[in-house]
């Protein structure tokens, strides 16, 4: 895994989500890209404007699809758990799943499909192993709410929360190669990858992984 050292604040005028800025930096200009769970199209717009990609999107909500189409983005309504099987092998240079894998019904099967249809796979997710999450559970006995996990337990879309360690283990089980990983603390700074892995899992609030088969 590679990480810029020392850690630095990443800023963007296009979006407040730091993980989208990092993802955009991982994409080769002009690449064929599929953004799964693309929401309102923020990432696709950045990739189109800044990287000149041939971008496509899948979004489960009709409101998200409408927002994307209104911007001229090529997005269809679909479900990551059901619809990825219809795409051929190596259909895209990059397949992106940002802040969505924890909301899928079968994350392992979804990741297998991503690795099949994309030559490169980018996944970002909130880290349930962050020290604030652990502390909140220990002392309050209730499900924590954080900037990356803002919903109450009864109305959250996140049904399969995981830690950075959990996701790394799943990648190893599937034989996925981690080309790059970015771990961010609560302030949006990259963590120095020279620190031990258990410290990354403890202090990282979210992570972005670039994978290949």
C-alpha atoms as a PDB file:
ATOM      1  CA  UNK A   1       0.000   0.000   0.000  1.00  0.00           C
ATOM      2  CA  UNK A   2       1.220   3.501  -0.800  1.00  0.00           C
ATOM      3  CA  UNK A   3       0.547   6.716   1.083  1.00  0.00           C
ATOM      4  CA  UNK A   4       1.825  10.251   0.723  1.00  0.00           C
ATOM      5  CA  UNK A   5       4.045  11.271   3.651  1.00  0.00           C
ATOM      6  CA  UNK A   6       3.675  13.470   5.596  1.00  0.00           C
ATOM      7  CA  UNK A   7      -0.097  13.598   5.919  1.00  0.00           C
ATOM      8  CA  UNK A   8      -1.690  16.662   4.320  1.00  0.00           C
ATOM      9  CA  UNK A   9      -5.109  18.242   4.099  1.00  0.00           C
ATOM     10  CA  UNK A  10      -6.857  17.582   0.802  1.00  0.00           C
ATOM     11  CA  UNK A  11      -9.188  20.281  -0.394  1.00  0.00           C
ATOM     12  CA  UNK A  12     -11.504  20.676  -3.355  1.00  0.00           C
ATOM     13  CA  UNK A  13     -13.838  23.373  -4.635  1.00  0.00           C
ATOM     14  CA  UNK A  14     -16.066  20.770  -6.290  1.00  0.00           C
ATOM     15  CA  UNK A  15     -17.107  18.684  -3.279  1.00  0.00           C
ATOM     16  CA  UNK A  16     -16.864  18.550   0.502  1.00  0.00           C
ATOM     17  CA  UNK A  17     -16.290  14.789   0.420  1.00  0.00           C
ATOM     18  CA  UNK A  18     -12.567  14.157   0.669  1.00  0.00           C
ATOM     19  CA  UNK A  19     -12.901  10.551  -0.488  1.00  0.00           C
ATOM     20  CA  UNK A  20     -14.231  11.753  -3.866  1.00  0.00           C
ATOM     21  CA  UNK A  21     -11.175  13.968  -4.319  1.00  0.00           C
ATOM     22  CA  UNK A  22      -8.886  11.022  -3.561  1.00  0.00           C
ATOM     23  CA  UNK A  23     -10.804   8.724  -5.902  1.00  0.00           C
ATOM     24  CA  UNK A  24     -10.581  11.233  -8.734  1.00  0.00           C
ATOM     25  CA  UNK A  25      -6.825  11.306  -8.290  1.00  0.00           C
ATOM     26  CA  UNK A  26      -6.640   7.532  -8.718  1.00  0.00           C
ATOM     27  CA  UNK A  27      -8.378   7.499 -12.113  1.00  0.00           C
ATOM     28  CA  UNK A  28      -6.370   7.602 -15.339  1.00  0.00           C
ATOM     29  CA  UNK A  29      -7.488  10.426 -17.681  1.00  0.00           C
ATOM     30  CA  UNK A  30      -9.740   9.195 -20.498  1.00  0.00           C
ATOM     31  CA  UNK A  31     -10.563   5.904 -18.761  1.00  0.00           C
ATOM     32  CA  UNK A  32     -13.865   4.051 -19.035  1.00  0.00           C
ATOM     33  CA  UNK A  33     -15.497   4.353 -15.614  1.00  0.00           C
ATOM     34  CA  UNK A  34     -18.581   2.911 -13.917  1.00  0.00           C
ATOM     35  CA  UNK A  35     -19.653   4.682 -10.707  1.00  0.00           C
ATOM     36  CA  UNK A  36     -21.981   2.445  -8.694  1.00  0.00           C
ATOM     37  CA  UNK A  37     -24.224   4.184  -6.189  1.00  0.00           C
ATOM     38  CA  UNK A  38     -23.326   7.497  -7.823  1.00  0.00           C
ATOM     39  CA  UNK A  39     -25.864   9.567  -5.866  1.00  0.00           C
ATOM     40  CA  UNK A  40     -26.310  13.033  -7.340  1.00  0.00           C
ATOM     41  CA  UNK A  41     -23.400  12.541  -9.756  1.00  0.00           C
ATOM     42  CA  UNK A  42     -20.814  14.608  -7.868  1.00  0.00           C
ATOM     43  CA  UNK A  43     -17.964  12.192  -8.587  1.00  0.00           C
ATOM     44  CA  UNK A  44     -18.957  11.591 -12.207  1.00  0.00           C
ATOM     45  CA  UNK A  45     -19.030  15.335 -12.768  1.00  0.00           C
ATOM     46  CA  UNK A  46     -15.531  15.748 -11.293  1.00  0.00           C
ATOM     47  CA  UNK A  47     -14.212  12.838 -13.360  1.00  0.00           C
ATOM     48  CA  UNK A  48     -15.785  14.194 -16.533  1.00  0.00           C
ATOM     49  CA  UNK A  49     -14.576  17.761 -16.022  1.00  0.00           C
ATOM     50  CA  UNK A  50     -11.123  17.085 -14.567  1.00  0.00           C
ATOM     51  CA  UNK A  51     -10.119  13.670 -15.951  1.00  0.00           C
ATOM     52  CA  UNK A  52     -12.017  13.491 -19.250  1.00  0.00           C
ATOM     53  CA  UNK A  53     -13.354  10.009 -18.541  1.00  0.00           C
ATOM     54  CA  UNK A  54     -16.013   8.064 -20.410  1.00  0.00           C
ATOM     55  CA  UNK A  55     -18.257   7.803 -17.358  1.00  0.00           C
ATOM     56  CA  UNK A  56     -21.361   5.758 -16.630  1.00  0.00           C
ATOM     57  CA  UNK A  57     -23.337   5.467 -13.401  1.00  0.00           C
ATOM     58  CA  UNK A  58     -25.783   3.248 -11.533  1.00  0.00           C
ATOM     59  CA  UNK A  59     -27.977   4.739  -8.806  1.00  0.00           C
ATOM     60  CA  UNK A  60     -30.755   3.031  -6.864  1.00  0.00           C
ATOM     61  CA  UNK A  61     -32.792   6.163  -6.076  1.00  0.00           C
ATOM     62  CA  UNK A  62     -34.911   7.809  -8.750  1.00  0.00           C
ATOM     63  CA  UNK A  63     -34.144  11.243  -7.330  1.00  0.00           C
ATOM     64  CA  UNK A  64     -30.418  10.563  -7.724  1.00  0.00           C
ATOM     65  CA  UNK A  65     -30.891   9.384 -11.296  1.00  0.00           C
ATOM     66  CA  UNK A  66     -32.927  12.497 -12.090  1.00  0.00           C
ATOM     67  CA  UNK A  67     -30.221  14.758 -10.619  1.00  0.00           C
ATOM     68  CA  UNK A  68     -27.558  13.039 -12.721  1.00  0.00           C
ATOM     69  CA  UNK A  69     -29.546  13.120 -15.955  1.00  0.00           C
ATOM     70  CA  UNK A  70     -30.273  16.804 -15.404  1.00  0.00           C
ATOM     71  CA  UNK A  71     -26.512  17.379 -15.531  1.00  0.00           C
ATOM     72  CA  UNK A  72     -26.178  15.424 -18.763  1.00  0.00           C
ATOM     73  CA  UNK A  73     -24.583  12.410 -17.064  1.00  0.00           C
ATOM     74  CA  UNK A  74     -25.156   8.871 -18.354  1.00  0.00           C
ATOM     75  CA  UNK A  75     -26.800   7.196 -15.354  1.00  0.00           C
ATOM     76  CA  UNK A  76     -29.379   4.429 -15.054  1.00  0.00           C
ATOM     77  CA  UNK A  77     -31.415   3.203 -12.123  1.00  0.00           C
ATOM     78  CA  UNK A  78     -30.068  -0.050 -10.723  1.00  0.00           C
ATOM     79  CA  UNK A  79     -29.103  -2.086  -7.672  1.00  0.00           C
ATOM     80  CA  UNK A  80     -25.512  -3.189  -6.996  1.00  0.00           C
ATOM     81  CA  UNK A  81     -26.736  -6.407  -5.380  1.00  0.00           C
ATOM     82  CA  UNK A  82     -28.755  -7.486  -8.433  1.00  0.00           C
ATOM     83  CA  UNK A  83     -27.621  -5.772 -11.604  1.00  0.00           C
ATOM     84  CA  UNK A  84     -23.832  -6.146 -11.790  1.00  0.00           C
ATOM     85  CA  UNK A  85     -24.151  -9.714 -13.089  1.00  0.00           C
ATOM     86  CA  UNK A  86     -25.373  -8.323 -16.428  1.00  0.00           C
ATOM     87  CA  UNK A  87     -22.080  -6.573 -17.188  1.00  0.00           C
ATOM     88  CA  UNK A  88     -19.401  -8.504 -19.148  1.00  0.00           C
ATOM     89  CA  UNK A  89     -15.907  -9.195 -17.857  1.00  0.00           C
ATOM     90  CA  UNK A  90     -13.480  -6.255 -18.051  1.00  0.00           C
ATOM     91  CA  UNK A  91     -16.228  -3.928 -19.260  1.00  0.00           C
ATOM     92  CA  UNK A  92     -14.587  -0.900 -17.599  1.00  0.00           C
ATOM     93  CA  UNK A  93     -11.117   0.336 -16.754  1.00  0.00           C
ATOM     94  CA  UNK A  94     -12.329   1.449 -13.314  1.00  0.00           C
ATOM     95  CA  UNK A  95     -15.368   0.477 -11.275  1.00  0.00           C
ATOM     96  CA  UNK A  96     -16.064   2.716  -8.280  1.00  0.00           C
ATOM     97  CA  UNK A  97     -18.124   2.019  -5.160  1.00  0.00           C
ATOM     98  CA  UNK A  98     -17.893   5.060  -2.866  1.00  0.00           C
ATOM     99  CA  UNK A  99     -19.454   4.952   0.611  1.00  0.00           C
ATOM    100  CA  UNK A 100     -21.845   2.233  -0.588  1.00  0.00           C
ATOM    101  CA  UNK A 101     -20.439  -1.239   0.126  1.00  0.00           C
ATOM    102  CA  UNK A 102     -21.688  -1.127   3.735  1.00  0.00           C
ATOM    103  CA  UNK A 103     -25.219  -0.551   2.405  1.00  0.00           C
ATOM    104  CA  UNK A 104     -25.268  -3.625   0.150  1.00  0.00           C
ATOM    105  CA  UNK A 105     -26.943  -6.869   1.163  1.00  0.00           C
ATOM    106  CA  UNK A 106     -24.001  -9.070   0.154  1.00  0.00           C
ATOM    107  CA  UNK A 107     -20.746  -7.069   0.196  1.00  0.00           C
ATOM    108  CA  UNK A 108     -18.573 -10.081  -0.647  1.00  0.00           C
ATOM    109  CA  UNK A 109     -20.576 -10.943  -3.773  1.00  0.00           C
ATOM    110  CA  UNK A 110     -20.657  -7.286  -4.815  1.00  0.00           C
ATOM    111  CA  UNK A 111     -16.872  -6.991  -4.492  1.00  0.00           C
ATOM    112  CA  UNK A 112     -16.434 -10.176  -6.527  1.00  0.00           C
ATOM    113  CA  UNK A 113     -18.553  -8.631  -9.294  1.00  0.00           C
ATOM    114  CA  UNK A 114     -16.580  -5.391  -9.169  1.00  0.00           C
ATOM    115  CA  UNK A 115     -13.312  -7.276  -9.610  1.00  0.00           C
ATOM    116  CA  UNK A 116     -14.817  -9.175 -12.544  1.00  0.00           C
ATOM    117  CA  UNK A 117     -16.161  -6.230 -14.551  1.00  0.00           C
ATOM    118  CA  UNK A 118     -13.424  -3.683 -13.774  1.00  0.00           C
ATOM    119  CA  UNK A 119      -9.691  -3.849 -14.431  1.00  0.00           C
ATOM    120  CA  UNK A 120      -9.329  -1.609 -11.394  1.00  0.00           C
ATOM    121  CA  UNK A 121     -11.730  -1.265  -8.480  1.00  0.00           C
ATOM    122  CA  UNK A 122     -11.986   1.709  -6.125  1.00  0.00           C
ATOM    123  CA  UNK A 123     -13.892   1.306  -2.859  1.00  0.00           C
ATOM    124  CA  UNK A 124     -14.340   3.881  -0.093  1.00  0.00           C
ATOM    125  CA  UNK A 125     -16.123   3.265   3.192  1.00  0.00           C
ATOM    126  CA  UNK A 126     -16.464   4.563   6.776  1.00  0.00           C
ATOM    127  CA  UNK A 127     -14.290   2.743   9.303  1.00  0.00           C
ATOM    128  CA  UNK A 128     -16.322   1.223  12.144  1.00  0.00           C
ATOM    129  CA  UNK A 129     -13.051   0.520  13.968  1.00  0.00           C
ATOM    130  CA  UNK A 130     -12.348   4.218  14.601  1.00  0.00           C
ATOM    131  CA  UNK A 131     -11.523   4.991  18.215  1.00  0.00           C
ATOM    132  CA  UNK A 132     -14.539   7.295  18.656  1.00  0.00           C
ATOM    133  CA  UNK A 133     -16.864   4.499  17.555  1.00  0.00           C
ATOM    134  CA  UNK A 134     -15.226   2.051  19.960  1.00  0.00           C
ATOM    135  CA  UNK A 135     -15.331   4.547  22.830  1.00  0.00           C
ATOM    136  CA  UNK A 136     -18.963   5.452  22.224  1.00  0.00           C
ATOM    137  CA  UNK A 137     -20.008   1.803  22.238  1.00  0.00           C
ATOM    138  CA  UNK A 138     -17.987   1.077  25.357  1.00  0.00           C
ATOM    139  CA  UNK A 139     -19.242   3.938  27.503  1.00  0.00           C
ATOM    140  CA  UNK A 140     -22.741   4.657  26.172  1.00  0.00           C
ATOM    141  CA  UNK A 141     -23.842   1.196  25.077  1.00  0.00           C
ATOM    142  CA  UNK A 142     -25.611   2.706  22.058  1.00  0.00           C
ATOM    143  CA  UNK A 143     -24.844   2.760  18.335  1.00  0.00           C
ATOM    144  CA  UNK A 144     -22.553   5.691  17.557  1.00  0.00           C
ATOM    145  CA  UNK A 145     -23.258   8.568  15.187  1.00  0.00           C
ATOM    146  CA  UNK A 146     -20.314  10.277  13.502  1.00  0.00           C
ATOM    147  CA  UNK A 147     -19.827  12.600  10.489  1.00  0.00           C
ATOM    148  CA  UNK A 148     -19.334   9.530   8.271  1.00  0.00           C
ATOM    149  CA  UNK A 149     -22.066   7.525  10.058  1.00  0.00           C
ATOM    150  CA  UNK A 150     -24.671  10.233  10.758  1.00  0.00           C
ATOM    151  CA  UNK A 151     -27.885   8.169  10.865  1.00  0.00           C
ATOM    152  CA  UNK A 152     -29.641   6.592  13.830  1.00  0.00           C
ATOM    153  CA  UNK A 153     -29.546   2.793  14.034  1.00  0.00           C
ATOM    154  CA  UNK A 154     -33.222   2.492  13.048  1.00  0.00           C
ATOM    155  CA  UNK A 155     -33.058   4.529   9.843  1.00  0.00           C
ATOM    156  CA  UNK A 156     -29.525   3.941   8.582  1.00  0.00           C
ATOM    157  CA  UNK A 157     -28.939   2.424   5.124  1.00  0.00           C
ATOM    158  CA  UNK A 158     -25.737   0.850   6.471  1.00  0.00           C
ATOM    159  CA  UNK A 159     -26.433  -2.814   7.154  1.00  0.00           C
ATOM    160  CA  UNK A 160     -22.918  -4.286   6.905  1.00  0.00           C
ATOM    161  CA  UNK A 161     -20.542  -1.930   8.677  1.00  0.00           C
ATOM    162  CA  UNK A 162     -16.902  -2.975   8.683  1.00  0.00           C
ATOM    163  CA  UNK A 163     -13.460  -1.887   9.818  1.00  0.00           C
ATOM    164  CA  UNK A 164     -10.386  -1.277   7.684  1.00  0.00           C
ATOM    165  CA  UNK A 165      -9.022  -4.562   8.997  1.00  0.00           C
ATOM    166  CA  UNK A 166     -12.232  -6.383   7.989  1.00  0.00           C
ATOM    167  CA  UNK A 167     -12.074  -5.010   4.457  1.00  0.00           C
ATOM    168  CA  UNK A 168      -8.375  -5.842   4.090  1.00  0.00           C
ATOM    169  CA  UNK A 169      -9.128  -9.405   5.191  1.00  0.00           C
ATOM    170  CA  UNK A 170     -11.927  -9.704   2.609  1.00  0.00           C
ATOM    171  CA  UNK A 171      -9.604  -8.459  -0.140  1.00  0.00           C
ATOM    172  CA  UNK A 172      -7.081 -11.141   0.824  1.00  0.00           C
ATOM    173  CA  UNK A 173      -9.767 -13.841   0.811  1.00  0.00           C
ATOM    174  CA  UNK A 174     -10.820 -12.845  -2.712  1.00  0.00           C
ATOM    175  CA  UNK A 175      -7.249 -12.633  -3.967  1.00  0.00           C
ATOM    176  CA  UNK A 176      -7.579  -8.908  -4.691  1.00  0.00           C
ATOM    177  CA  UNK A 177      -4.343  -6.955  -4.852  1.00  0.00           C
ATOM    178  CA  UNK A 178      -4.284  -3.635  -2.982  1.00  0.00           C
ATOM    179  CA  UNK A 179      -2.536  -1.214  -5.335  1.00  0.00           C
ATOM    180  CA  UNK A 180      -3.079   1.782  -3.085  1.00  0.00           C
ATOM    181  CA  UNK A 181      -4.921   2.668   0.098  1.00  0.00           C
ATOM    182  CA  UNK A 182      -5.644   6.049   1.615  1.00  0.00           C
ATOM    183  CA  UNK A 183      -6.736   6.270   5.258  1.00  0.00           C
ATOM    184  CA  UNK A 184      -8.124   9.558   6.577  1.00  0.00           C
ATOM    185  CA  UNK A 185      -8.554  10.757  10.127  1.00  0.00           C
ATOM    186  CA  UNK A 186     -11.560  12.683  11.425  1.00  0.00           C
ATOM    187  CA  UNK A 187     -10.149  15.971  10.104  1.00  0.00           C
ATOM    188  CA  UNK A 188      -9.638  14.791   6.540  1.00  0.00           C
ATOM    189  CA  UNK A 189      -5.872  14.307   6.813  1.00  0.00           C
ATOM    190  CA  UNK A 190      -4.114  11.307   5.347  1.00  0.00           C
ATOM    191  CA  UNK A 191      -2.626   9.041   7.981  1.00  0.00           C
ATOM    192  CA  UNK A 192       1.067   8.316   7.675  1.00  0.00           C
ATOM    193  CA  UNK A 193       1.307   4.727   6.441  1.00  0.00           C
ATOM    194  CA  UNK A 194       4.530   4.168   8.356  1.00  0.00           C
ATOM    195  CA  UNK A 195       2.466   3.788  11.515  1.00  0.00           C
ATOM    196  CA  UNK A 196       1.418   0.212  12.431  1.00  0.00           C
ATOM    197  CA  UNK A 197      -1.674  -1.199  10.756  1.00  0.00           C
ATOM    198  CA  UNK A 198      -3.616  -1.457  14.020  1.00  0.00           C
ATOM    199  CA  UNK A 199      -3.094   2.299  14.483  1.00  0.00           C
ATOM    200  CA  UNK A 200      -4.482   2.995  11.019  1.00  0.00           C
ATOM    201  CA  UNK A 201      -7.527   0.904  11.923  1.00  0.00           C
ATOM    202  CA  UNK A 202      -7.849   2.799  15.202  1.00  0.00           C
ATOM    203  CA  UNK A 203      -7.427   6.375  13.964  1.00  0.00           C
ATOM    204  CA  UNK A 204      -8.747   6.150  10.394  1.00  0.00           C
ATOM    205  CA  UNK A 205     -12.292   7.467  10.076  1.00  0.00           C
ATOM    206  CA  UNK A 206     -12.634   6.428   6.439  1.00  0.00           C
ATOM    207  CA  UNK A 207     -10.586   4.616   3.823  1.00  0.00           C
ATOM    208  CA  UNK A 208     -10.202   4.504   0.042  1.00  0.00           C
ATOM    209  CA  UNK A 209      -8.799   1.336  -1.577  1.00  0.00           C
ATOM    210  CA  UNK A 210      -7.590   0.877  -5.164  1.00  0.00           C
ATOM    211  CA  UNK A 211      -7.723  -2.829  -6.073  1.00  0.00           C
ATOM    212  CA  UNK A 212      -6.848  -5.084  -8.986  1.00  0.00           C
ATOM    213  CA  UNK A 213      -7.284  -8.800  -9.528  1.00  0.00           C
END
